[in-house]
């Protein structure tokens, strides 16, 4: 599928370390109910990795102090945690954490 003809761009971040970096960058900076998806991803990571990333509340600071990336993903981004077998894509056994940012064209 040629996404450029659909009027949007899809960025997939597949490396676990990079997903964790994005989570730490936007955690506590989201302003909409999409924070629930972030909290589900954090809870899943905490459970699977025996980690403790706190689920921070919605950002209530003034709009001019908020990170642009957090607002960007509030609009059209989402978090997805997918489990695959590296050799057989139909067998679900290997863990993969993904973050998606979707920017729609005008």
C-alpha atoms as a PDB file:
ATOM      1  CA  UNK A   1       0.000   0.000   0.000  1.00  0.00           C
ATOM      2  CA  UNK A   2       1.438   3.397  -1.017  1.00  0.00           C
ATOM      3  CA  UNK A   3       0.729   5.513   2.059  1.00  0.00           C
ATOM      4  CA  UNK A   4       1.804   8.724   0.327  1.00  0.00           C
ATOM      5  CA  UNK A   5      -1.310   8.473  -1.849  1.00  0.00           C
ATOM      6  CA  UNK A   6      -3.464   8.154   1.284  1.00  0.00           C
ATOM      7  CA  UNK A   7      -2.345  11.578   2.525  1.00  0.00           C
ATOM      8  CA  UNK A   8      -0.510  10.484   5.656  1.00  0.00           C
ATOM      9  CA  UNK A   9       2.842   9.235   6.896  1.00  0.00           C
ATOM     10  CA  UNK A  10       3.340   6.300   9.255  1.00  0.00           C
ATOM     11  CA  UNK A  11       6.419   6.147  11.494  1.00  0.00           C
ATOM     12  CA  UNK A  12       6.937   2.840  13.282  1.00  0.00           C
ATOM     13  CA  UNK A  13       9.386   2.672  16.164  1.00  0.00           C
ATOM     14  CA  UNK A  14      10.141  -0.988  16.748  1.00  0.00           C
ATOM     15  CA  UNK A  15      13.262  -1.071  18.942  1.00  0.00           C
ATOM     16  CA  UNK A  16      12.272  -1.522  22.575  1.00  0.00           C
ATOM     17  CA  UNK A  17      14.803   1.062  23.758  1.00  0.00           C
ATOM     18  CA  UNK A  18      13.399   3.665  21.358  1.00  0.00           C
ATOM     19  CA  UNK A  19       9.812   2.934  22.419  1.00  0.00           C
ATOM     20  CA  UNK A  20      10.829   3.412  26.057  1.00  0.00           C
ATOM     21  CA  UNK A  21      12.525   6.690  25.148  1.00  0.00           C
ATOM     22  CA  UNK A  22       9.331   7.963  23.455  1.00  0.00           C
ATOM     23  CA  UNK A  23       7.225   6.876  26.442  1.00  0.00           C
ATOM     24  CA  UNK A  24       9.508   8.748  28.833  1.00  0.00           C
ATOM     25  CA  UNK A  25       9.421  11.846  26.586  1.00  0.00           C
ATOM     26  CA  UNK A  26       5.617  12.081  26.409  1.00  0.00           C
ATOM     27  CA  UNK A  27       4.554  10.569  29.741  1.00  0.00           C
ATOM     28  CA  UNK A  28       2.869  13.343  31.722  1.00  0.00           C
ATOM     29  CA  UNK A  29       2.597  15.674  28.715  1.00  0.00           C
ATOM     30  CA  UNK A  30      -0.586  14.358  27.085  1.00  0.00           C
ATOM     31  CA  UNK A  31      -3.806  16.366  27.342  1.00  0.00           C
ATOM     32  CA  UNK A  32      -6.538  14.100  25.957  1.00  0.00           C
ATOM     33  CA  UNK A  33      -8.145  10.738  26.816  1.00  0.00           C
ATOM     34  CA  UNK A  34      -5.546   9.034  24.583  1.00  0.00           C
ATOM     35  CA  UNK A  35      -3.415   9.002  27.721  1.00  0.00           C
ATOM     36  CA  UNK A  36      -5.290   5.783  28.549  1.00  0.00           C
ATOM     37  CA  UNK A  37      -3.519   3.994  25.666  1.00  0.00           C
ATOM     38  CA  UNK A  38      -0.164   5.237  26.948  1.00  0.00           C
ATOM     39  CA  UNK A  39      -1.019   4.009  30.444  1.00  0.00           C
ATOM     40  CA  UNK A  40      -1.957   0.566  29.050  1.00  0.00           C
ATOM     41  CA  UNK A  41       1.404   0.390  27.254  1.00  0.00           C
ATOM     42  CA  UNK A  42       3.258   1.449  30.415  1.00  0.00           C
ATOM     43  CA  UNK A  43       1.383  -1.134  32.513  1.00  0.00           C
ATOM     44  CA  UNK A  44       2.193  -3.857  29.985  1.00  0.00           C
ATOM     45  CA  UNK A  45       5.899  -2.924  29.935  1.00  0.00           C
ATOM     46  CA  UNK A  46       6.016  -2.755  33.730  1.00  0.00           C
ATOM     47  CA  UNK A  47       4.482  -6.233  33.977  1.00  0.00           C
ATOM     48  CA  UNK A  48       6.589  -7.896  31.271  1.00  0.00           C
ATOM     49  CA  UNK A  49       9.940  -6.291  32.174  1.00  0.00           C
ATOM     50  CA  UNK A  50       9.417  -6.066  35.930  1.00  0.00           C
ATOM     51  CA  UNK A  51       9.956  -2.305  35.440  1.00  0.00           C
ATOM     52  CA  UNK A  52       8.374   0.638  37.168  1.00  0.00           C
ATOM     53  CA  UNK A  53       7.458   3.479  34.857  1.00  0.00           C
ATOM     54  CA  UNK A  54       4.887   5.679  36.611  1.00  0.00           C
ATOM     55  CA  UNK A  55       1.640   6.488  34.775  1.00  0.00           C
ATOM     56  CA  UNK A  56       1.633  10.271  35.007  1.00  0.00           C
ATOM     57  CA  UNK A  57      -1.591  12.294  34.915  1.00  0.00           C
ATOM     58  CA  UNK A  58      -2.884  14.458  32.072  1.00  0.00           C
ATOM     59  CA  UNK A  59      -0.820  17.622  31.586  1.00  0.00           C
ATOM     60  CA  UNK A  60      -2.670  20.647  32.931  1.00  0.00           C
ATOM     61  CA  UNK A  61       0.144  23.167  32.381  1.00  0.00           C
ATOM     62  CA  UNK A  62      -0.297  26.165  30.091  1.00  0.00           C
ATOM     63  CA  UNK A  63      -0.459  25.285  26.382  1.00  0.00           C
ATOM     64  CA  UNK A  64       2.725  27.183  25.513  1.00  0.00           C
ATOM     65  CA  UNK A  65       4.820  25.033  27.869  1.00  0.00           C
ATOM     66  CA  UNK A  66       3.764  21.616  26.471  1.00  0.00           C
ATOM     67  CA  UNK A  67       5.878  19.445  24.185  1.00  0.00           C
ATOM     68  CA  UNK A  68       4.758  19.549  20.539  1.00  0.00           C
ATOM     69  CA  UNK A  69       5.270  15.786  20.212  1.00  0.00           C
ATOM     70  CA  UNK A  70       2.791  14.993  22.965  1.00  0.00           C
ATOM     71  CA  UNK A  71       0.139  17.123  21.238  1.00  0.00           C
ATOM     72  CA  UNK A  72       1.025  15.554  17.916  1.00  0.00           C
ATOM     73  CA  UNK A  73       0.359  12.043  19.173  1.00  0.00           C
ATOM     74  CA  UNK A  74      -2.745  13.152  21.065  1.00  0.00           C
ATOM     75  CA  UNK A  75      -4.242  13.991  17.685  1.00  0.00           C
ATOM     76  CA  UNK A  76      -3.346  10.981  15.566  1.00  0.00           C
ATOM     77  CA  UNK A  77      -0.877   8.690  17.297  1.00  0.00           C
ATOM     78  CA  UNK A  78      -1.315   5.457  19.179  1.00  0.00           C
ATOM     79  CA  UNK A  79       0.595   2.774  21.040  1.00  0.00           C
ATOM     80  CA  UNK A  80       0.419  -0.860  20.048  1.00  0.00           C
ATOM     81  CA  UNK A  81       1.989  -3.870  21.700  1.00  0.00           C
ATOM     82  CA  UNK A  82       2.209  -6.848  19.366  1.00  0.00           C
ATOM     83  CA  UNK A  83       3.486 -10.335  20.142  1.00  0.00           C
ATOM     84  CA  UNK A  84       5.135 -12.362  17.332  1.00  0.00           C
ATOM     85  CA  UNK A  85       7.326 -15.367  16.734  1.00  0.00           C
ATOM     86  CA  UNK A  86      10.395 -14.096  14.870  1.00  0.00           C
ATOM     87  CA  UNK A  87      10.396 -17.062  12.458  1.00  0.00           C
ATOM     88  CA  UNK A  88       6.689 -17.779  12.101  1.00  0.00           C
ATOM     89  CA  UNK A  89       4.539 -14.629  12.012  1.00  0.00           C
ATOM     90  CA  UNK A  90       1.407 -16.723  12.668  1.00  0.00           C
ATOM     91  CA  UNK A  91       2.685 -18.068  15.999  1.00  0.00           C
ATOM     92  CA  UNK A  92       2.377 -15.637  18.902  1.00  0.00           C
ATOM     93  CA  UNK A  93       5.277 -16.037  21.345  1.00  0.00           C
ATOM     94  CA  UNK A  94       7.868 -13.248  20.984  1.00  0.00           C
ATOM     95  CA  UNK A  95       7.335  -9.799  22.456  1.00  0.00           C
ATOM     96  CA  UNK A  96       7.509  -6.646  20.351  1.00  0.00           C
ATOM     97  CA  UNK A  97       6.571  -3.161  21.539  1.00  0.00           C
ATOM     98  CA  UNK A  98       5.616  -0.567  18.914  1.00  0.00           C
ATOM     99  CA  UNK A  99       4.725   3.098  18.890  1.00  0.00           C
ATOM    100  CA  UNK A 100       2.904   4.637  15.931  1.00  0.00           C
ATOM    101  CA  UNK A 101       2.734   8.286  14.940  1.00  0.00           C
ATOM    102  CA  UNK A 102       0.321   9.075  12.134  1.00  0.00           C
ATOM    103  CA  UNK A 103       0.445  12.508  10.513  1.00  0.00           C
ATOM    104  CA  UNK A 104      -2.459  13.145   8.173  1.00  0.00           C
ATOM    105  CA  UNK A 105      -1.935  15.396   5.165  1.00  0.00           C
ATOM    106  CA  UNK A 106      -4.280  18.227   4.352  1.00  0.00           C
END
